[in-house]
Amino acid sequence: MLGKMMAKNLVLAGKGAPLFDNPENFNLQYEDVSFKASDGINLKGWLIKGDKEKVIIQSHFGLYCCRAGYTNQAKRPVKGYPNDVQFLRQAKYLNDVGYTVLMYDFRNHGESDVAMDGFVSYGPEEAKDIIAAVDYISNHPEYENANIGLFSICMGQGATVSAYGREDGLKHCSNIKCMISVQPLDYPHFMSGMKIPGFMKRSADKYIRKNTDFDYMNNTWRPYVKEVNVPTLVIQNKNDGFLDKDFVEGVFNDLQVEKEMMWIEIPDKKNQGYNRMAAYDWLGTNPEPILNWFGKYMS
């Protein structure tokens, strides 16, 4: 019982990531879209219409999130953050300067299909989804010649890096011009940073091992950082409750491309989860570094 409860907070998205917002609330012109990953999983998203020459693909963080962001409308044991985190805010400021924006739900989140019995992988399995999103734009009759920028948040950046490590992945896509990587974190470092008693971690691990054959501790996106071949901005909150500075700096140092490390300092919040979520909330109200990075490589 305890193991299942803990697993729901660690690796099972379930109903914790409902679609709660709509581009119409931000006066954005869009269409509902769907496309399939290589393993047949159907993915749902929004294509927010802008210029046909430049497209941003946003990949959200995992578990209590969907393409729209995070909401307290979902039932869960504790709040993940005091307020909803609306990812359409950054879609709005990106669209206001001309970008088309593709926002999609990862497998097991929002309106996309369930896969692996609802277990998320923190990147390796979700890599198929970001590859499918890039393929969707690359083969779209209106956007096939567009430059693409990747806006990859937490598990979204884990999926993106994993996708660069795959032979059928993103390193062959010359239309991708740059990436923004927000708060890189893999499952082993997430677990080591979680401030809960050891018996709870062991109980969750026992349940996970019993119910899936995915090897969370060894199957991580971390080895593929060196495969990323586009300019990358890494954004990290200094007060992130899960921050392992050596891990983040190691990721940054392994990038073999033009790169920039941006440390932000958001005032300390109630708990370690709030301190991590604060950076996701920050993205919606701080357009300048986002627009500057994409503008530099996609103009």
C-alpha atoms as a PDB file:
ATOM      1  CA  MET A   1       0.000   0.000   0.000  1.00  0.00           C
ATOM      2  CA  LEU A   2       2.736   2.457   0.990  1.00  0.00           C
ATOM      3  CA  GLY A   3       4.854   1.423  -1.999  1.00  0.00           C
ATOM      4  CA  LYS A   4       2.025   2.066  -4.446  1.00  0.00           C
ATOM      5  CA  MET A   5       1.258   5.430  -2.850  1.00  0.00           C
ATOM      6  CA  MET A   6       4.903   6.456  -3.099  1.00  0.00           C
ATOM      7  CA  ALA A   7       5.183   5.186  -6.678  1.00  0.00           C
ATOM      8  CA  LYS A   8       2.272   7.420  -7.657  1.00  0.00           C
ATOM      9  CA  ASN A   9       4.392  10.379  -6.582  1.00  0.00           C
ATOM     10  CA  LEU A  10       7.566   9.119  -8.254  1.00  0.00           C
ATOM     11  CA  VAL A  11       6.853   7.308 -11.520  1.00  0.00           C
ATOM     12  CA  LEU A  12       3.093   7.015 -12.138  1.00  0.00           C
ATOM     13  CA  ALA A  13       1.372   9.940 -13.874  1.00  0.00           C
ATOM     14  CA  GLY A  14      -2.174   8.551 -13.632  1.00  0.00           C
ATOM     15  CA  LYS A  15      -4.808  11.270 -13.401  1.00  0.00           C
ATOM     16  CA  GLY A  16      -2.389  13.766 -11.896  1.00  0.00           C
ATOM     17  CA  ALA A  17      -1.784  15.525 -15.204  1.00  0.00           C
ATOM     18  CA  PRO A  18      -5.171  16.605 -16.630  1.00  0.00           C
ATOM     19  CA  LEU A  19      -5.523  19.119 -19.435  1.00  0.00           C
ATOM     20  CA  PHE A  20      -6.816  22.219 -17.648  1.00  0.00           C
ATOM     21  CA  ASP A  21      -6.206  25.214 -19.919  1.00  0.00           C
ATOM     22  CA  ASN A  22      -6.831  26.276 -23.507  1.00  0.00           C
ATOM     23  CA  PRO A  23      -5.069  28.629 -25.961  1.00  0.00           C
ATOM     24  CA  GLU A  24      -8.350  30.504 -26.400  1.00  0.00           C
ATOM     25  CA  ASN A  25      -7.872  31.814 -22.862  1.00  0.00           C
ATOM     26  CA  PHE A  26      -4.814  33.670 -24.184  1.00  0.00           C
ATOM     27  CA  ASN A  27      -6.395  34.742 -27.499  1.00  0.00           C
ATOM     28  CA  LEU A  28      -4.131  32.395 -29.424  1.00  0.00           C
ATOM     29  CA  GLN A  29      -5.028  30.956 -32.827  1.00  0.00           C
ATOM     30  CA  TYR A  30      -4.487  27.203 -32.748  1.00  0.00           C
ATOM     31  CA  GLU A  31      -5.601  23.803 -33.858  1.00  0.00           C
ATOM     32  CA  ASP A  32      -5.812  20.503 -31.984  1.00  0.00           C
ATOM     33  CA  VAL A  33      -3.335  18.038 -33.450  1.00  0.00           C
ATOM     34  CA  SER A  34      -2.355  14.423 -32.955  1.00  0.00           C
ATOM     35  CA  PHE A  35       0.533  12.296 -34.172  1.00  0.00           C
ATOM     36  CA  LYS A  36       1.982   8.874 -33.414  1.00  0.00           C
ATOM     37  CA  ALA A  37       5.306   7.888 -31.883  1.00  0.00           C
ATOM     38  CA  SER A  38       7.344   5.085 -33.457  1.00  0.00           C
ATOM     39  CA  ASP A  39       5.791   2.506 -31.099  1.00  0.00           C
ATOM     40  CA  GLY A  40       2.239   3.517 -32.048  1.00  0.00           C
ATOM     41  CA  ILE A  41       1.467   5.665 -29.011  1.00  0.00           C
ATOM     42  CA  ASN A  42      -0.927   8.455 -29.998  1.00  0.00           C
ATOM     43  CA  LEU A  43       0.085  11.910 -28.795  1.00  0.00           C
ATOM     44  CA  LYS A  44      -2.188  14.951 -28.547  1.00  0.00           C
ATOM     45  CA  GLY A  45      -1.191  18.593 -28.724  1.00  0.00           C
ATOM     46  CA  TRP A  46      -1.856  22.167 -29.761  1.00  0.00           C
ATOM     47  CA  LEU A  47      -0.312  23.831 -32.777  1.00  0.00           C
ATOM     48  CA  ILE A  48      -0.376  27.558 -32.045  1.00  0.00           C
ATOM     49  CA  LYS A  49      -0.172  29.407 -35.343  1.00  0.00           C
ATOM     50  CA  GLY A  50       2.589  31.914 -36.056  1.00  0.00           C
ATOM     51  CA  ASP A  51       5.199  32.326 -38.767  1.00  0.00           C
ATOM     52  CA  LYS A  52       5.803  29.328 -41.007  1.00  0.00           C
ATOM     53  CA  GLU A  53       9.578  29.808 -40.861  1.00  0.00           C
ATOM     54  CA  LYS A  54      10.154  29.209 -37.128  1.00  0.00           C
ATOM     55  CA  VAL A  55       8.619  26.717 -34.712  1.00  0.00           C
ATOM     56  CA  ILE A  56       9.212  26.158 -30.996  1.00  0.00           C
ATOM     57  CA  ILE A  57       8.469  22.670 -29.669  1.00  0.00           C
ATOM     58  CA  GLN A  58       7.827  22.711 -25.933  1.00  0.00           C
ATOM     59  CA  SER A  59       8.241  19.500 -23.919  1.00  0.00           C
ATOM     60  CA  HIS A  60       6.839  19.614 -20.393  1.00  0.00           C
ATOM     61  CA  PHE A  61       8.045  18.160 -17.096  1.00  0.00           C
ATOM     62  CA  GLY A  62       6.736  14.836 -15.848  1.00  0.00           C
ATOM     63  CA  LEU A  63       4.086  13.356 -13.543  1.00  0.00           C
ATOM     64  CA  TYR A  64       1.852  16.266 -12.431  1.00  0.00           C
ATOM     65  CA  CYS A  65       2.075  18.134 -15.709  1.00  0.00           C
ATOM     66  CA  CYS A  66       0.706  18.241 -19.236  1.00  0.00           C
ATOM     67  CA  ARG A  67       1.159  20.507 -22.235  1.00  0.00           C
ATOM     68  CA  ALA A  68      -0.780  23.228 -20.360  1.00  0.00           C
ATOM     69  CA  GLY A  69       1.443  23.004 -17.271  1.00  0.00           C
ATOM     70  CA  TYR A  70       0.532  22.166 -13.671  1.00  0.00           C
ATOM     71  CA  THR A  71      -2.831  22.554 -11.945  1.00  0.00           C
ATOM     72  CA  ASN A  72      -4.177  22.122  -8.426  1.00  0.00           C
ATOM     73  CA  GLN A  73      -7.480  20.998  -9.942  1.00  0.00           C
ATOM     74  CA  ALA A  74      -6.197  17.406  -9.951  1.00  0.00           C
ATOM     75  CA  LYS A  75      -6.722  15.308  -6.833  1.00  0.00           C
ATOM     76  CA  ARG A  76      -3.448  14.466  -5.093  1.00  0.00           C
ATOM     77  CA  PRO A  77      -2.293  13.969  -1.487  1.00  0.00           C
ATOM     78  CA  VAL A  78      -0.507  17.326  -1.283  1.00  0.00           C
ATOM     79  CA  LYS A  79      -0.248  20.426  -3.439  1.00  0.00           C
ATOM     80  CA  GLY A  80       2.756  20.547  -5.730  1.00  0.00           C
ATOM     81  CA  TYR A  81       2.689  24.344  -5.827  1.00  0.00           C
ATOM     82  CA  PRO A  82       0.470  27.121  -4.410  1.00  0.00           C
ATOM     83  CA  ASN A  83      -0.929  28.112  -7.812  1.00  0.00           C
ATOM     84  CA  ASP A  84      -1.416  26.737 -11.297  1.00  0.00           C
ATOM     85  CA  VAL A  85       1.647  26.966 -13.551  1.00  0.00           C
ATOM     86  CA  GLN A  86       0.337  27.975 -16.967  1.00  0.00           C
ATOM     87  CA  PHE A  87       2.695  27.072 -19.787  1.00  0.00           C
ATOM     88  CA  LEU A  88       0.509  28.963 -22.236  1.00  0.00           C
ATOM     89  CA  ARG A  89       2.058  32.137 -20.835  1.00  0.00           C
ATOM     90  CA  GLN A  90       5.353  31.386 -22.586  1.00  0.00           C
ATOM     91  CA  ALA A  91       3.476  30.227 -25.666  1.00  0.00           C
ATOM     92  CA  LYS A  92       1.822  33.646 -25.671  1.00  0.00           C
ATOM     93  CA  TYR A  93       5.019  35.684 -25.557  1.00  0.00           C
ATOM     94  CA  LEU A  94       6.675  33.402 -28.117  1.00  0.00           C
ATOM     95  CA  ASN A  95       3.695  33.704 -30.450  1.00  0.00           C
ATOM     96  CA  ASP A  96       3.543  37.475 -29.954  1.00  0.00           C
ATOM     97  CA  VAL A  97       6.946  37.768 -31.658  1.00  0.00           C
ATOM     98  CA  GLY A  98       5.962  35.416 -34.465  1.00  0.00           C
ATOM     99  CA  TYR A  99       6.804  31.870 -33.416  1.00  0.00           C
ATOM    100  CA  THR A 100       4.554  28.940 -34.148  1.00  0.00           C
ATOM    101  CA  VAL A 101       4.478  26.802 -30.995  1.00  0.00           C
ATOM    102  CA  LEU A 102       3.812  23.082 -30.772  1.00  0.00           C
ATOM    103  CA  MET A 103       2.782  22.013 -27.260  1.00  0.00           C
ATOM    104  CA  TYR A 104       2.074  18.309 -26.789  1.00  0.00           C
ATOM    105  CA  ASP A 105       1.361  15.831 -24.003  1.00  0.00           C
ATOM    106  CA  PHE A 106       3.929  13.150 -23.304  1.00  0.00           C
ATOM    107  CA  ARG A 107       2.687   9.570 -23.145  1.00  0.00           C
ATOM    108  CA  ASN A 108       0.809   8.978 -19.869  1.00  0.00           C
ATOM    109  CA  HIS A 109       0.036  12.689 -19.519  1.00  0.00           C
ATOM    110  CA  GLY A 110      -2.855  14.924 -20.514  1.00  0.00           C
ATOM    111  CA  GLU A 111      -4.776  13.495 -23.469  1.00  0.00           C
ATOM    112  CA  SER A 112      -2.026  11.271 -24.877  1.00  0.00           C
ATOM    113  CA  ASP A 113      -2.129   7.488 -24.743  1.00  0.00           C
ATOM    114  CA  VAL A 114      -1.065   5.385 -21.787  1.00  0.00           C
ATOM    115  CA  ALA A 115       2.175   3.435 -22.238  1.00  0.00           C
ATOM    116  CA  MET A 116       4.230   1.107 -20.033  1.00  0.00           C
ATOM    117  CA  ASP A 117       1.168   0.703 -17.763  1.00  0.00           C
ATOM    118  CA  GLY A 118       1.320   4.371 -16.846  1.00  0.00           C
ATOM    119  CA  PHE A 119       4.942   4.402 -15.674  1.00  0.00           C
ATOM    120  CA  VAL A 120       7.053   7.362 -16.809  1.00  0.00           C
ATOM    121  CA  SER A 121      10.758   6.808 -17.517  1.00  0.00           C
ATOM    122  CA  TYR A 122      12.202  10.302 -16.906  1.00  0.00           C
ATOM    123  CA  GLY A 123      13.292  10.542 -20.534  1.00  0.00           C
ATOM    124  CA  PRO A 124      14.373   7.352 -22.314  1.00  0.00           C
ATOM    125  CA  GLU A 125      10.870   6.203 -23.332  1.00  0.00           C
ATOM    126  CA  GLU A 126       9.543   9.749 -23.773  1.00  0.00           C
ATOM    127  CA  ALA A 127      12.355  10.320 -26.294  1.00  0.00           C
ATOM    128  CA  LYS A 128      10.073   8.652 -28.835  1.00  0.00           C
ATOM    129  CA  ASP A 129       7.555  11.445 -28.249  1.00  0.00           C
ATOM    130  CA  ILE A 130       9.885  14.383 -28.908  1.00  0.00           C
ATOM    131  CA  ILE A 131      11.174  12.591 -32.023  1.00  0.00           C
ATOM    132  CA  ALA A 132       7.566  12.228 -33.175  1.00  0.00           C
ATOM    133  CA  ALA A 133       6.911  15.925 -32.483  1.00  0.00           C
ATOM    134  CA  VAL A 134       9.922  16.981 -34.556  1.00  0.00           C
ATOM    135  CA  ASP A 135       8.892  14.575 -37.343  1.00  0.00           C
ATOM    136  CA  TYR A 136       5.369  16.019 -37.262  1.00  0.00           C
ATOM    137  CA  ILE A 137       6.661  19.552 -37.879  1.00  0.00           C
ATOM    138  CA  SER A 138       9.309  18.426 -40.371  1.00  0.00           C
ATOM    139  CA  ASN A 139       6.682  16.668 -42.482  1.00  0.00           C
ATOM    140  CA  HIS A 140       3.930  19.254 -42.093  1.00  0.00           C
ATOM    141  CA  PRO A 141       3.165  20.897 -45.466  1.00  0.00           C
ATOM    142  CA  GLU A 142       3.205  24.379 -43.909  1.00  0.00           C
ATOM    143  CA  TYR A 143       6.263  23.968 -41.664  1.00  0.00           C
ATOM    144  CA  GLU A 144       8.481  21.467 -43.455  1.00  0.00           C
ATOM    145  CA  ASN A 145      11.048  24.188 -44.154  1.00  0.00           C
ATOM    146  CA  ALA A 146      10.862  25.846 -40.740  1.00  0.00           C
ATOM    147  CA  ASN A 147      13.699  26.222 -38.273  1.00  0.00           C
ATOM    148  CA  ILE A 148      12.926  24.442 -34.992  1.00  0.00           C
ATOM    149  CA  GLY A 149      13.851  25.436 -31.446  1.00  0.00           C
ATOM    150  CA  LEU A 150      13.458  23.008 -28.549  1.00  0.00           C
ATOM    151  CA  PHE A 151      12.084  24.268 -25.228  1.00  0.00           C
ATOM    152  CA  SER A 152      12.670  21.272 -22.982  1.00  0.00           C
ATOM    153  CA  ILE A 153      11.684  21.332 -19.309  1.00  0.00           C
ATOM    154  CA  CYS A 154      12.934  18.808 -16.714  1.00  0.00           C
ATOM    155  CA  MET A 155      11.723  15.406 -17.980  1.00  0.00           C
ATOM    156  CA  GLY A 156      11.225  17.169 -21.315  1.00  0.00           C
ATOM    157  CA  GLN A 157      14.944  17.869 -21.478  1.00  0.00           C
ATOM    158  CA  GLY A 158      15.676  14.292 -20.369  1.00  0.00           C
ATOM    159  CA  ALA A 159      13.558  13.049 -23.258  1.00  0.00           C
ATOM    160  CA  THR A 160      15.268  15.452 -25.646  1.00  0.00           C
ATOM    161  CA  VAL A 161      18.781  14.417 -24.610  1.00  0.00           C
ATOM    162  CA  SER A 162      17.768  10.745 -24.829  1.00  0.00           C
ATOM    163  CA  ALA A 163      16.469  11.449 -28.334  1.00  0.00           C
ATOM    164  CA  TYR A 164      19.887  12.809 -29.315  1.00  0.00           C
ATOM    165  CA  GLY A 165      21.405   9.526 -28.148  1.00  0.00           C
ATOM    166  CA  ARG A 166      19.203   7.352 -30.368  1.00  0.00           C
ATOM    167  CA  GLU A 167      20.332   6.278 -33.827  1.00  0.00           C
ATOM    168  CA  ASP A 168      16.896   7.219 -35.162  1.00  0.00           C
ATOM    169  CA  GLY A 169      16.937  10.423 -33.137  1.00  0.00           C
ATOM    170  CA  LEU A 170      17.412  14.152 -33.280  1.00  0.00           C
ATOM    171  CA  LYS A 171      21.119  14.399 -34.111  1.00  0.00           C
ATOM    172  CA  HIS A 172      20.222  13.883 -37.775  1.00  0.00           C
ATOM    173  CA  CYS A 173      17.707  16.767 -37.837  1.00  0.00           C
ATOM    174  CA  SER A 174      19.427  19.765 -39.427  1.00  0.00           C
ATOM    175  CA  ASN A 175      16.301  21.907 -39.027  1.00  0.00           C
ATOM    176  CA  ILE A 176      16.753  21.979 -35.222  1.00  0.00           C
ATOM    177  CA  LYS A 177      18.735  25.138 -34.500  1.00  0.00           C
ATOM    178  CA  CYS A 178      18.947  25.384 -30.700  1.00  0.00           C
ATOM    179  CA  MET A 179      17.618  24.192 -27.358  1.00  0.00           C
ATOM    180  CA  ILE A 180      16.722  25.565 -23.947  1.00  0.00           C
ATOM    181  CA  SER A 181      17.216  22.966 -21.207  1.00  0.00           C
ATOM    182  CA  VAL A 182      15.390  23.752 -17.963  1.00  0.00           C
ATOM    183  CA  GLN A 183      16.530  22.142 -14.686  1.00  0.00           C
ATOM    184  CA  PRO A 184      18.124  18.882 -15.840  1.00  0.00           C
ATOM    185  CA  LEU A 185      17.466  16.001 -13.442  1.00  0.00           C
ATOM    186  CA  ASP A 186      17.495  12.230 -13.916  1.00  0.00           C
ATOM    187  CA  TYR A 187      15.756   9.613 -11.792  1.00  0.00           C
ATOM    188  CA  PRO A 188      18.779   8.511  -9.694  1.00  0.00           C
ATOM    189  CA  HIS A 189      19.514  12.102  -8.668  1.00  0.00           C
ATOM    190  CA  PHE A 190      15.833  12.812  -8.107  1.00  0.00           C
ATOM    191  CA  MET A 191      15.710   9.903  -5.670  1.00  0.00           C
ATOM    192  CA  SER A 192      18.936  10.824  -3.927  1.00  0.00           C
ATOM    193  CA  GLY A 193      17.681  14.366  -3.479  1.00  0.00           C
ATOM    194  CA  MET A 194      14.239  13.417  -2.169  1.00  0.00           C
ATOM    195  CA  LYS A 195      13.984  14.240   1.517  1.00  0.00           C
ATOM    196  CA  ILE A 196      11.926  11.288   2.718  1.00  0.00           C
ATOM    197  CA  PRO A 197      12.811   8.411   5.064  1.00  0.00           C
ATOM    198  CA  GLY A 198      14.772   5.535   3.569  1.00  0.00           C
ATOM    199  CA  PHE A 199      12.041   2.971   4.302  1.00  0.00           C
ATOM    200  CA  MET A 200       9.663   4.949   2.068  1.00  0.00           C
ATOM    201  CA  LYS A 201      12.173   4.937  -0.783  1.00  0.00           C
ATOM    202  CA  ARG A 202      12.703   1.197  -0.351  1.00  0.00           C
ATOM    203  CA  SER A 203       8.964   0.543  -0.307  1.00  0.00           C
ATOM    204  CA  ALA A 204       8.498   2.523  -3.522  1.00  0.00           C
ATOM    205  CA  ASP A 205      11.448   0.773  -5.159  1.00  0.00           C
ATOM    206  CA  LYS A 206       9.999  -2.640  -4.268  1.00  0.00           C
ATOM    207  CA  TYR A 207       6.639  -1.752  -5.818  1.00  0.00           C
ATOM    208  CA  ILE A 208       8.292  -0.328  -8.951  1.00  0.00           C
ATOM    209  CA  ARG A 209      10.499  -3.396  -9.446  1.00  0.00           C
ATOM    210  CA  LYS A 210       7.490  -5.679  -9.026  1.00  0.00           C
ATOM    211  CA  ASN A 211       5.320  -3.824 -11.534  1.00  0.00           C
ATOM    212  CA  THR A 212       7.698  -2.839 -14.333  1.00  0.00           C
ATOM    213  CA  ASP A 213      10.922  -4.192 -15.812  1.00  0.00           C
ATOM    214  CA  PHE A 214      12.217  -0.706 -16.632  1.00  0.00           C
ATOM    215  CA  ASP A 215      15.595  -0.176 -14.919  1.00  0.00           C
ATOM    216  CA  TYR A 216      15.261   3.336 -13.495  1.00  0.00           C
ATOM    217  CA  MET A 217      18.671   3.503 -11.836  1.00  0.00           C
ATOM    218  CA  ASN A 218      20.703   2.513 -14.892  1.00  0.00           C
ATOM    219  CA  ASN A 219      18.556   3.574 -17.861  1.00  0.00           C
ATOM    220  CA  THR A 220      19.059   7.336 -17.792  1.00  0.00           C
ATOM    221  CA  TRP A 221      19.529  10.092 -20.354  1.00  0.00           C
ATOM    222  CA  ARG A 222      22.755  11.328 -18.716  1.00  0.00           C
ATOM    223  CA  PRO A 223      25.285   9.485 -20.982  1.00  0.00           C
ATOM    224  CA  TYR A 224      23.874  11.139 -24.107  1.00  0.00           C
ATOM    225  CA  VAL A 225      24.563  14.785 -23.243  1.00  0.00           C
ATOM    226  CA  LYS A 226      27.647  14.760 -25.478  1.00  0.00           C
ATOM    227  CA  GLU A 227      25.440  13.776 -28.429  1.00  0.00           C
ATOM    228  CA  VAL A 228      23.519  17.071 -28.365  1.00  0.00           C
ATOM    229  CA  ASN A 229      24.643  19.036 -31.425  1.00  0.00           C
ATOM    230  CA  VAL A 230      22.802  22.364 -31.184  1.00  0.00           C
ATOM    231  CA  PRO A 231      23.506  25.499 -29.102  1.00  0.00           C
ATOM    232  CA  THR A 232      22.017  25.006 -25.650  1.00  0.00           C
ATOM    233  CA  LEU A 233      20.996  27.340 -22.834  1.00  0.00           C
ATOM    234  CA  VAL A 234      20.716  25.618 -19.438  1.00  0.00           C
ATOM    235  CA  ILE A 235      18.470  27.322 -16.860  1.00  0.00           C
ATOM    236  CA  GLN A 236      18.638  26.290 -13.201  1.00  0.00           C
ATOM    237  CA  ASN A 237      17.226  27.722  -9.980  1.00  0.00           C
ATOM    238  CA  LYS A 238      19.903  28.003  -7.275  1.00  0.00           C
ATOM    239  CA  ASN A 239      17.240  27.274  -4.646  1.00  0.00           C
ATOM    240  CA  ASP A 240      15.826  24.189  -6.375  1.00  0.00           C
ATOM    241  CA  GLY A 241      15.042  21.707  -3.597  1.00  0.00           C
ATOM    242  CA  PHE A 242      16.454  18.843  -5.668  1.00  0.00           C
ATOM    243  CA  LEU A 243      19.559  20.663  -6.866  1.00  0.00           C
ATOM    244  CA  ASP A 244      22.769  18.675  -7.115  1.00  0.00           C
ATOM    245  CA  LYS A 245      25.105  21.399  -8.334  1.00  0.00           C
ATOM    246  CA  ASP A 246      27.804  18.941  -9.404  1.00  0.00           C
ATOM    247  CA  PHE A 247      25.264  17.065 -11.520  1.00  0.00           C
ATOM    248  CA  VAL A 248      23.985  20.187 -13.276  1.00  0.00           C
ATOM    249  CA  GLU A 249      27.490  21.537 -13.861  1.00  0.00           C
ATOM    250  CA  GLY A 250      28.554  18.110 -15.150  1.00  0.00           C
ATOM    251  CA  VAL A 251      25.714  18.162 -17.667  1.00  0.00           C
ATOM    252  CA  PHE A 252      26.698  21.662 -18.773  1.00  0.00           C
ATOM    253  CA  ASN A 253      30.400  20.773 -19.038  1.00  0.00           C
ATOM    254  CA  ASP A 254      29.640  17.722 -21.181  1.00  0.00           C
ATOM    255  CA  LEU A 255      27.786  19.767 -23.780  1.00  0.00           C
ATOM    256  CA  GLN A 256      30.090  19.937 -26.819  1.00  0.00           C
ATOM    257  CA  VAL A 257      28.296  22.892 -28.415  1.00  0.00           C
ATOM    258  CA  GLU A 258      27.941  26.636 -28.035  1.00  0.00           C
ATOM    259  CA  LYS A 259      26.312  26.949 -24.638  1.00  0.00           C
ATOM    260  CA  GLU A 260      25.363  29.198 -21.761  1.00  0.00           C
ATOM    261  CA  MET A 261      24.600  28.463 -18.103  1.00  0.00           C
ATOM    262  CA  MET A 262      21.949  30.677 -16.531  1.00  0.00           C
ATOM    263  CA  TRP A 263      21.592  30.447 -12.765  1.00  0.00           C
ATOM    264  CA  ILE A 264      18.446  32.102 -11.481  1.00  0.00           C
ATOM    265  CA  GLU A 265      17.760  32.764  -7.819  1.00  0.00           C
ATOM    266  CA  ILE A 266      14.110  32.575  -6.814  1.00  0.00           C
ATOM    267  CA  PRO A 267      13.370  33.337  -3.154  1.00  0.00           C
ATOM    268  CA  ASP A 268      13.118  30.248  -0.960  1.00  0.00           C
ATOM    269  CA  LYS A 269       9.652  28.665  -0.836  1.00  0.00           C
ATOM    270  CA  LYS A 270       7.753  26.409   1.566  1.00  0.00           C
ATOM    271  CA  ASN A 271       9.440  23.101   0.684  1.00  0.00           C
ATOM    272  CA  GLN A 272      11.801  21.439  -1.766  1.00  0.00           C
ATOM    273  CA  GLY A 273       9.030  20.694  -4.275  1.00  0.00           C
ATOM    274  CA  TYR A 274       7.848  24.302  -4.319  1.00  0.00           C
ATOM    275  CA  ASN A 275      11.436  25.444  -4.842  1.00  0.00           C
ATOM    276  CA  ARG A 276      11.744  23.258  -7.926  1.00  0.00           C
ATOM    277  CA  MET A 277       8.348  24.212  -9.318  1.00  0.00           C
ATOM    278  CA  ALA A 278       9.154  27.894  -8.855  1.00  0.00           C
ATOM    279  CA  ALA A 279      11.484  27.790 -11.865  1.00  0.00           C
ATOM    280  CA  TYR A 280       8.744  26.390 -14.081  1.00  0.00           C
ATOM    281  CA  ASP A 281       6.482  29.229 -12.941  1.00  0.00           C
ATOM    282  CA  TRP A 282       9.314  31.715 -13.582  1.00  0.00           C
ATOM    283  CA  LEU A 283       9.418  30.758 -17.269  1.00  0.00           C
ATOM    284  CA  GLY A 284       5.997  32.284 -17.859  1.00  0.00           C
ATOM    285  CA  THR A 285       6.915  35.714 -16.523  1.00  0.00           C
ATOM    286  CA  ASN A 286      10.501  36.125 -17.719  1.00  0.00           C
ATOM    287  CA  PRO A 287      10.446  36.163 -21.506  1.00  0.00           C
ATOM    288  CA  GLU A 288      13.686  38.070 -22.156  1.00  0.00           C
ATOM    289  CA  PRO A 289      16.284  35.261 -21.827  1.00  0.00           C
ATOM    290  CA  ILE A 290      14.005  32.827 -23.652  1.00  0.00           C
ATOM    291  CA  LEU A 291      13.367  35.175 -26.556  1.00  0.00           C
ATOM    292  CA  ASN A 292      17.018  36.230 -26.724  1.00  0.00           C
ATOM    293  CA  TRP A 293      18.293  32.666 -27.006  1.00  0.00           C
ATOM    294  CA  PHE A 294      15.783  31.553 -29.616  1.00  0.00           C
ATOM    295  CA  GLY A 295      16.136  34.847 -31.475  1.00  0.00           C
ATOM    296  CA  LYS A 296      19.919  34.465 -31.675  1.00  0.00           C
ATOM    297  CA  TYR A 297      19.781  31.129 -33.496  1.00  0.00           C
ATOM    298  CA  MET A 298      16.436  31.115 -35.282  1.00  0.00           C
ATOM    299  CA  SER A 299      16.259  34.527 -36.921  1.00  0.00           C
END
